[in-house]
């Protein structure tokens, strides 16, 4: 017998929810075959079979909360799957009764098993009566996601109502719906509120002229992509600018631990990524040692894995500073909330052409507002403003990044 144990969930993660079993009791399994999916407040985890054999018991049903070390189930090593109960059936067939017409539709019920359903869309279906078998899944392996279910509900609500009963009152679930928050969304809400309640949070603003970076990008983007196999974006420039500013103002790269300040001598930059499950912040490790192409490749890979639900907990731990780009959604200005226990977060925003006074003349320039939210317990106002000015100078004169000025 081999136990299927809940694995270590990572730093600061204490429990998980059983999202889905891929096998039923009595089915044959192979070593390293994925048997169960767990959902934590940060990522989804897959737990594999520890041996060849048969899944003989499930100790934690779907929806159950488990902690590291909890026995999820048991695999009987070397056993074979139980024979299908169809074998003894011929004996009982002698007095064959006439088939009941109502029994004919029974096989249709097996059809939905072809497409596994995650807990969130399953809850939506249970509460609204949505038929998930008619919803096209966009998730991994064609799975129906929460976003797919909500989109189907919206389409159903916008469809023309039948003309049969105009006076009938609208059902409550068509006017509003109650959906349980995912563990990730609960954690996002809790951590953001804790950051507001704990840190002496303040935001300072500046604006940056994007002309130089945009001209440099336009001049070299084709050569860059051909040589490195990745597009040249703005995030790599801002990551390098942030690293340079952190080196100049180390307070922004520090954090409070009790009555001590911990100064980080490494530059692991978190990059906020929006997914259908919520906002996650994977980390670009040792960003100071990476060139622009390596940063672009790392961010692209982390973003893709985040949207596909393939990030590991280790991908989101240990960040020293965070960058969030609301500009991709059209945000002109915001006050980002700290990603505790970090002491600083940079908010990027949409690039807009605005009239600017340049050497006494009015010119149209592509401008972006920058926002630095910081913990005033760690960072003084002068340091915060200087940090943001350093970022501005590096973006407006990208050669500074190459010369490390």
Protein backbone atom coordinates (compact mmCIF):
# COMPACT_ATOMS: atom_id res chain seq x y z
CA UNK A 1 0.00 0.00 0.00
CA UNK A 2 1.29 3.47 -0.87
CA UNK A 3 -0.19 6.64 0.58
CA UNK A 4 -0.90 9.66 -1.63
CA UNK A 5 0.20 12.54 0.60
CA UNK A 6 -0.46 16.26 0.36
CA UNK A 7 2.93 17.73 -0.64
CA UNK A 8 4.65 20.69 1.00
CA UNK A 9 2.71 23.73 -0.16
CA UNK A 10 5.47 26.30 0.12
CA UNK A 11 6.33 29.24 2.31
CA UNK A 12 3.31 30.89 4.00
CA UNK A 13 0.85 28.42 2.38
CA UNK A 14 -0.78 26.31 5.08
CA UNK A 15 -3.69 24.55 3.38
CA UNK A 16 -5.20 23.60 0.04
CA UNK A 17 -8.55 22.53 -1.40
CA UNK A 18 -9.03 19.26 -3.31
CA UNK A 19 -10.19 20.50 -6.69
CA UNK A 20 -10.53 17.29 -8.73
CA UNK A 21 -9.71 13.59 -8.73
CA UNK A 22 -8.76 12.20 -12.14
CA UNK A 23 -9.37 8.56 -11.13
CA UNK A 24 -12.07 6.66 -9.28
CA UNK A 25 -11.60 4.01 -6.59
CA UNK A 26 -10.86 0.67 -8.25
CA UNK A 27 -9.22 2.14 -11.36
CA UNK A 28 -5.69 1.20 -12.38
CA UNK A 29 -3.00 3.87 -12.04
CA UNK A 30 0.62 4.19 -13.07
CA UNK A 31 3.52 5.66 -11.12
CA UNK A 32 3.81 9.46 -11.69
CA UNK A 33 0.33 9.60 -13.29
CA UNK A 34 -1.58 12.69 -12.10
CA UNK A 35 -4.33 11.58 -9.70
CA UNK A 36 -5.55 14.71 -7.94
CA UNK A 37 -5.46 18.48 -8.40
CA UNK A 38 -5.14 20.79 -5.39
CA UNK A 39 -5.95 24.50 -5.34
CA UNK A 40 -4.08 26.75 -2.91
CA UNK A 41 -4.44 30.46 -2.34
CA UNK A 42 -1.63 31.03 -4.84
CA UNK A 43 -1.47 28.25 -7.44
CA UNK A 44 -2.91 24.90 -8.51
CA UNK A 45 -0.89 21.77 -7.74
CA UNK A 46 -0.97 18.31 -9.32
CA UNK A 47 -0.28 15.25 -7.17
CA UNK A 48 0.97 12.11 -8.90
CA UNK A 49 0.60 8.43 -8.02
CA UNK A 50 3.50 7.13 -5.88
CA UNK A 51 3.39 3.66 -7.51
CA UNK A 52 1.83 1.38 -10.11
CA UNK A 53 -1.33 -0.31 -8.93
CA UNK A 54 -4.96 0.49 -8.20
CA UNK A 55 -6.51 3.50 -6.46
CA UNK A 56 -7.98 1.63 -3.50
CA UNK A 57 -9.21 4.53 -1.37
CA UNK A 58 -9.89 8.27 -1.49
CA UNK A 59 -9.40 9.94 1.88
CA UNK A 60 -10.11 13.54 0.89
CA UNK A 61 -13.08 14.15 -1.39
CA UNK A 62 -13.34 17.03 -3.85
CA UNK A 63 -13.88 20.28 -1.98
CA UNK A 64 -12.12 19.07 1.17
CA UNK A 65 -9.49 21.25 2.86
CA UNK A 66 -6.14 19.53 3.45
CA UNK A 67 -2.77 20.46 4.97
CA UNK A 68 0.74 19.22 4.12
CA UNK A 69 1.08 15.55 5.06
CA UNK A 70 -2.65 14.78 4.86
CA UNK A 71 -3.28 11.39 3.25
CA UNK A 72 -5.35 12.11 0.16
CA UNK A 73 -5.80 8.48 -0.83
CA UNK A 74 -4.18 5.06 -1.07
CA UNK A 75 -2.73 3.09 -4.00
CA UNK A 76 -2.54 -0.71 -3.71
CA UNK A 77 0.80 -1.52 -5.30
CA UNK A 78 0.88 -4.28 -7.88
CA UNK A 79 -2.89 -4.77 -7.78
CA UNK A 80 -4.98 -4.86 -10.94
CA UNK A 81 -8.21 -3.05 -11.60
CA UNK A 82 -11.32 -4.91 -10.56
CA UNK A 83 -13.02 -6.75 -13.39
CA UNK A 84 -16.05 -5.01 -14.76
CA UNK A 85 -19.23 -6.25 -13.06
CA UNK A 86 -20.60 -7.13 -16.49
CA UNK A 87 -19.13 -10.68 -16.28
CA UNK A 88 -21.81 -12.33 -14.06
CA UNK A 89 -24.58 -10.57 -16.02
CA UNK A 90 -25.22 -13.40 -18.57
CA UNK A 91 -26.51 -15.69 -15.77
CA UNK A 92 -29.17 -13.27 -14.79
CA UNK A 93 -30.23 -12.71 -18.38
CA UNK A 94 -32.34 -15.89 -18.61
CA UNK A 95 -35.65 -14.37 -17.45
CA UNK A 96 -34.99 -11.32 -19.65
CA UNK A 97 -37.76 -8.78 -18.87
CA UNK A 98 -39.15 -6.52 -21.55
CA UNK A 99 -36.98 -3.37 -21.82
CA UNK A 100 -38.59 -0.31 -20.29
CA UNK A 101 -38.73 2.64 -22.70
CA UNK A 102 -37.61 5.07 -19.96
CA UNK A 103 -34.29 3.26 -19.65
CA UNK A 104 -33.17 4.16 -23.17
CA UNK A 105 -31.87 7.69 -22.44
CA UNK A 106 -29.60 6.42 -19.62
CA UNK A 107 -26.40 6.19 -21.73
CA UNK A 108 -26.62 9.92 -22.52
CA UNK A 109 -25.74 10.70 -18.88
CA UNK A 110 -22.20 9.41 -19.46
CA UNK A 111 -21.38 12.08 -22.05
CA UNK A 112 -20.38 14.92 -19.70
CA UNK A 113 -17.61 12.74 -18.21
CA UNK A 114 -15.53 13.44 -21.30
CA UNK A 115 -14.84 17.00 -20.18
CA UNK A 116 -13.56 17.45 -16.58
CA UNK A 117 -15.09 20.37 -14.75
CA UNK A 118 -13.31 22.55 -12.19
CA UNK A 119 -15.03 23.52 -8.90
CA UNK A 120 -15.75 27.18 -9.80
CA UNK A 121 -17.72 26.53 -13.03
CA UNK A 122 -19.39 23.53 -11.38
CA UNK A 123 -20.69 25.78 -8.59
CA UNK A 124 -21.92 28.32 -11.12
CA UNK A 125 -23.73 25.57 -13.02
CA UNK A 126 -25.34 24.23 -9.83
CA UNK A 127 -26.57 27.67 -8.78
CA UNK A 128 -27.79 28.90 -12.15
CA UNK A 129 -28.83 25.76 -14.01
CA UNK A 130 -26.21 26.36 -16.73
CA UNK A 131 -25.57 23.31 -18.93
CA UNK A 132 -21.75 23.07 -19.00
CA UNK A 133 -21.84 20.39 -21.70
CA UNK A 134 -22.92 23.11 -24.13
CA UNK A 135 -20.13 25.52 -23.10
CA UNK A 136 -16.92 25.57 -25.16
CA UNK A 137 -13.95 25.31 -22.78
CA UNK A 138 -10.89 27.52 -23.27
CA UNK A 139 -8.86 26.17 -20.35
CA UNK A 140 -6.18 23.52 -20.25
CA UNK A 141 -7.20 20.32 -22.14
CA UNK A 142 -10.45 22.01 -23.19
CA UNK A 143 -11.62 22.46 -19.60
CA UNK A 144 -14.45 24.90 -18.96
CA UNK A 145 -13.12 27.79 -16.85
CA UNK A 146 -14.99 30.14 -14.54
CA UNK A 147 -14.65 32.82 -17.26
CA UNK A 148 -16.24 30.49 -19.84
CA UNK A 149 -19.18 29.81 -17.50
CA UNK A 150 -19.71 33.48 -16.74
CA UNK A 151 -19.53 34.35 -20.45
CA UNK A 152 -22.15 31.69 -21.20
CA UNK A 153 -24.39 33.11 -18.48
CA UNK A 154 -24.02 36.58 -19.94
CA UNK A 155 -24.86 35.29 -23.40
CA UNK A 156 -27.88 33.47 -22.02
CA UNK A 157 -29.06 36.60 -20.22
CA UNK A 158 -28.72 38.73 -23.35
CA UNK A 159 -30.56 36.26 -25.56
CA UNK A 160 -34.11 37.36 -26.48
CA UNK A 161 -36.63 36.03 -24.01
CA UNK A 162 -39.43 33.77 -25.24
CA UNK A 163 -42.62 35.69 -26.02
CA UNK A 164 -44.74 33.18 -24.11
CA UNK A 165 -45.01 34.83 -20.71
CA UNK A 166 -44.38 38.56 -20.80
CA UNK A 167 -45.98 39.14 -17.41
CA UNK A 168 -43.93 36.51 -15.56
CA UNK A 169 -41.47 37.99 -13.03
CA UNK A 170 -37.78 37.54 -13.77
CA UNK A 171 -36.10 34.79 -11.83
CA UNK A 172 -33.75 36.01 -9.09
CA UNK A 173 -30.70 34.26 -10.53
CA UNK A 174 -31.07 36.26 -13.78
CA UNK A 175 -30.80 39.54 -11.85
CA UNK A 176 -27.97 38.59 -9.55
CA UNK A 177 -25.93 35.55 -8.65
CA UNK A 178 -23.93 34.36 -5.67
CA UNK A 179 -20.60 32.67 -6.40
CA UNK A 180 -18.23 31.51 -3.67
CA UNK A 181 -14.89 33.29 -3.80
CA UNK A 182 -12.00 31.10 -4.87
CA UNK A 183 -9.24 30.53 -2.37
CA UNK A 184 -6.96 32.73 -4.51
CA UNK A 185 -9.47 35.60 -4.58
CA UNK A 186 -9.98 35.32 -0.79
CA UNK A 187 -6.23 35.54 -0.28
CA UNK A 188 -5.89 38.51 -2.62
CA UNK A 189 -8.60 40.34 -0.68
CA UNK A 190 -7.07 39.47 2.68
CA UNK A 191 -3.50 40.39 1.75
CA UNK A 192 -4.44 43.70 0.16
CA UNK A 193 -6.46 44.73 3.22
CA UNK A 194 -3.67 43.62 5.54
CA UNK A 195 -1.21 45.75 3.56
CA UNK A 196 -3.47 48.78 3.96
CA UNK A 197 -3.94 48.15 7.67
CA UNK A 198 -0.29 47.39 8.47
CA UNK A 199 1.94 49.59 6.33
CA UNK A 200 2.17 53.38 6.51
CA UNK A 201 1.41 53.44 2.79
CA UNK A 202 1.95 56.54 0.70
CA UNK A 203 2.09 57.13 -3.06
CA UNK A 204 4.23 59.61 -4.96
CA UNK A 205 3.81 60.39 -8.67
CA UNK A 206 5.90 61.52 -11.60
CA UNK A 207 5.58 61.45 -15.36
CA UNK A 208 8.00 60.10 -17.91
CA UNK A 209 8.55 61.03 -21.54
CA UNK A 210 8.57 57.74 -23.47
CA UNK A 211 9.99 59.26 -26.69
CA UNK A 212 13.54 57.90 -26.32
CA UNK A 213 12.54 54.34 -25.42
CA UNK A 214 9.89 54.24 -28.15
CA UNK A 215 12.40 55.50 -30.75
CA UNK A 216 15.01 52.96 -29.62
CA UNK A 217 12.44 50.18 -29.71
CA UNK A 218 11.21 51.18 -33.18
CA UNK A 219 14.77 51.28 -34.51
CA UNK A 220 15.90 47.91 -33.21
CA UNK A 221 12.75 45.82 -32.62
CA UNK A 222 13.06 43.76 -35.83
CA UNK A 223 16.77 43.03 -35.35
CA UNK A 224 16.19 42.31 -31.66
CA UNK A 225 13.40 39.81 -32.36
CA UNK A 226 15.37 38.12 -35.14
CA UNK A 227 18.44 37.70 -32.96
CA UNK A 228 16.83 36.83 -29.64
CA UNK A 229 13.53 35.26 -30.69
CA UNK A 230 11.47 37.56 -28.48
CA UNK A 231 9.85 40.96 -28.96
CA UNK A 232 11.39 44.04 -27.37
CA UNK A 233 8.81 45.52 -25.00
CA UNK A 234 8.76 48.23 -22.37
CA UNK A 235 8.83 45.94 -19.32
CA UNK A 236 12.50 45.05 -19.77
CA UNK A 237 13.47 48.75 -19.79
CA UNK A 238 11.41 49.44 -16.66
CA UNK A 239 12.82 46.36 -14.91
CA UNK A 240 16.38 47.51 -15.58
CA UNK A 241 15.48 51.07 -14.52
CA UNK A 242 13.93 49.78 -11.28
CA UNK A 243 17.02 47.70 -10.48
CA UNK A 244 19.26 50.74 -11.00
CA UNK A 245 16.99 52.83 -8.74
CA UNK A 246 16.94 50.11 -6.03
CA UNK A 247 20.73 50.06 -6.01
CA UNK A 248 20.74 53.84 -5.55
CA UNK A 249 17.99 53.85 -2.86
CA UNK A 250 18.38 50.53 -0.95
CA UNK A 251 15.63 51.43 1.53
CA UNK A 252 13.04 50.66 -1.16
CA UNK A 253 14.52 47.15 -1.42
CA UNK A 254 14.22 46.53 2.33
CA UNK A 255 11.47 45.10 4.51
CA UNK A 256 10.50 45.14 8.19
CA UNK A 257 10.89 42.00 10.29
CA UNK A 258 9.75 42.68 13.84
CA UNK A 259 11.99 45.49 15.07
CA UNK A 260 14.63 44.89 12.40
CA UNK A 261 15.10 46.10 8.84
CA UNK A 262 16.25 43.52 6.30
CA UNK A 263 18.13 45.03 3.38
CA UNK A 264 18.05 42.83 0.29
CA UNK A 265 21.26 42.61 -1.72
CA UNK A 266 19.48 40.76 -4.51
CA UNK A 267 16.99 42.12 -7.01
CA UNK A 268 14.09 39.74 -7.55
CA UNK A 269 11.39 41.75 -9.30
CA UNK A 270 7.76 40.65 -9.12
CA UNK A 271 5.69 41.34 -12.23
CA UNK A 272 1.91 41.45 -11.71
CA UNK A 273 -0.02 39.26 -14.19
CA UNK A 274 -3.81 39.17 -14.56
CA UNK A 275 -5.40 35.72 -15.01
CA UNK A 276 -8.98 34.44 -15.05
CA UNK A 277 -8.48 33.38 -11.41
CA UNK A 278 -7.12 36.72 -10.25
CA UNK A 279 -3.88 38.65 -10.00
CA UNK A 280 -0.65 36.71 -9.44
CA UNK A 281 2.89 38.07 -9.09
CA UNK A 282 5.58 35.74 -10.46
CA UNK A 283 9.17 36.81 -9.81
CA UNK A 284 12.02 37.57 -12.23
CA UNK A 285 15.01 36.25 -10.29
CA UNK A 286 18.31 38.18 -10.15
CA UNK A 287 17.04 40.76 -12.63
CA UNK A 288 20.28 42.73 -12.21
CA UNK A 289 22.19 39.88 -13.89
CA UNK A 290 19.86 39.65 -16.92
CA UNK A 291 20.01 41.58 -20.17
CA UNK A 292 16.96 43.00 -21.92
CA UNK A 293 16.36 39.86 -24.01
CA UNK A 294 16.60 37.56 -20.97
CA UNK A 295 14.17 39.73 -19.03
CA UNK A 296 11.67 39.76 -21.92
CA UNK A 297 11.92 35.96 -22.28
CA UNK A 298 11.49 35.41 -18.53
CA UNK A 299 8.48 37.72 -18.26
CA UNK A 300 6.90 36.17 -21.36
CA UNK A 301 7.34 32.65 -19.99
CA UNK A 302 6.01 33.56 -16.54
CA UNK A 303 3.00 35.34 -18.04
CA UNK A 304 2.14 32.39 -20.28
CA UNK A 305 2.45 29.90 -17.44
CA UNK A 306 0.36 32.14 -15.17
CA UNK A 307 -2.51 32.26 -17.67
CA UNK A 308 -2.31 28.48 -18.21
CA UNK A 309 -2.32 27.74 -14.48
CA UNK A 310 1.17 26.24 -14.63
CA UNK A 311 3.01 28.45 -12.12
CA UNK A 312 4.55 26.79 -9.10
CA UNK A 313 4.56 28.34 -5.65
CA UNK A 314 8.31 28.83 -5.92
CA UNK A 315 7.69 31.10 -8.94
CA UNK A 316 5.91 33.65 -6.72
CA UNK A 317 8.03 33.67 -3.58
CA UNK A 318 10.90 35.87 -2.51
CA UNK A 319 10.23 39.01 -4.56
CA UNK A 320 11.89 42.19 -3.25
CA UNK A 321 9.95 44.78 -5.32
CA UNK A 322 6.94 44.67 -7.65
CA UNK A 323 6.00 46.30 -10.96
CA UNK A 324 2.37 46.45 -12.06
CA UNK A 325 1.23 47.76 -15.44
CA UNK A 326 -2.34 49.01 -15.39
CA UNK A 327 -1.66 50.74 -18.70
CA UNK A 328 -2.35 47.56 -20.64
CA UNK A 329 -5.97 47.90 -19.48
CA UNK A 330 -6.11 51.63 -20.21
CA UNK A 331 -5.45 52.99 -16.72
CA UNK A 332 -4.19 56.58 -16.77
CA UNK A 333 -3.28 56.79 -13.07
CA UNK A 334 -3.61 54.65 -9.95
CA UNK A 335 -2.26 54.15 -6.43
CA UNK A 336 -1.08 50.52 -6.34
CA UNK A 337 -1.22 48.63 -3.03
CA UNK A 338 1.97 47.14 -1.61
CA UNK A 339 2.73 43.47 -2.11
CA UNK A 340 3.60 42.75 1.55
CA UNK A 341 6.16 42.42 3.03
CA UNK A 342 7.80 44.46 0.27
CA UNK A 343 8.26 48.19 0.84
CA UNK A 344 7.66 49.44 -2.70
CA UNK A 345 5.61 48.87 -5.84
CA UNK A 346 5.82 50.76 -9.13
CA UNK A 347 2.65 51.41 -11.12
CA UNK A 348 2.99 51.92 -14.88
CA UNK A 349 0.12 53.44 -16.86
CA UNK A 350 -1.16 54.13 -20.35
CA UNK A 351 0.99 56.14 -22.76
CA UNK A 352 -0.86 59.24 -23.93
CA UNK A 353 0.26 62.03 -26.23
CA UNK A 354 0.13 65.33 -24.37
CA UNK A 355 1.38 68.87 -25.02
CA UNK A 356 4.61 69.43 -23.09
CA UNK A 357 6.88 72.47 -22.80
CA UNK A 358 10.32 71.48 -24.16
CA UNK A 359 13.02 74.17 -24.13
CA UNK A 360 10.39 76.89 -24.08
CA UNK A 361 8.36 75.36 -26.91
CA UNK A 362 5.19 73.29 -26.82
CA UNK A 363 5.65 69.83 -28.30
CA UNK A 364 3.46 66.74 -28.41
CA UNK A 365 5.14 63.93 -26.46
CA UNK A 366 4.09 60.36 -25.53
CA UNK A 367 3.80 60.59 -21.75
CA UNK A 368 3.22 58.03 -19.02
CA UNK A 369 2.33 58.67 -15.38
CA UNK A 370 4.35 56.64 -12.88
CA UNK A 371 3.21 55.91 -9.33
CA UNK A 372 5.40 54.61 -6.52
CA UNK A 373 3.54 53.32 -3.47
CA UNK A 374 5.89 52.77 -0.54
CA UNK A 375 5.93 51.94 3.16
CA UNK A 376 6.71 55.20 4.94
CA UNK A 377 7.91 53.24 7.97
CA UNK A 378 10.90 52.10 5.89
CA UNK A 379 11.25 54.69 3.14
CA UNK A 380 11.43 58.44 3.73
CA UNK A 381 9.73 60.81 1.32
CA UNK A 382 13.05 62.04 -0.05
CA UNK A 383 14.14 58.49 -0.84
CA UNK A 384 10.83 57.66 -2.52
CA UNK A 385 10.88 60.76 -4.71
CA UNK A 386 14.54 60.21 -5.61
CA UNK A 387 13.80 56.59 -6.51
CA UNK A 388 11.05 57.65 -8.91
CA UNK A 389 13.27 60.34 -10.44
CA UNK A 390 15.97 57.69 -11.03
CA UNK A 391 13.45 55.52 -12.89
CA UNK A 392 12.29 58.53 -14.92
CA UNK A 393 15.86 59.50 -15.86
CA UNK A 394 16.73 55.97 -16.96
CA UNK A 395 13.66 55.68 -19.19
CA UNK A 396 14.08 59.14 -20.73
CA UNK A 397 17.78 58.46 -21.38
CA UNK A 398 18.12 54.67 -21.90
CA UNK A 399 21.89 54.95 -22.43
CA UNK A 400 22.11 55.39 -18.66
CA UNK A 401 21.09 51.75 -18.28
CA UNK A 402 23.99 50.61 -20.48
CA UNK A 403 26.48 52.85 -18.69
CA UNK A 404 24.98 52.06 -15.24
CA UNK A 405 24.58 55.73 -14.39
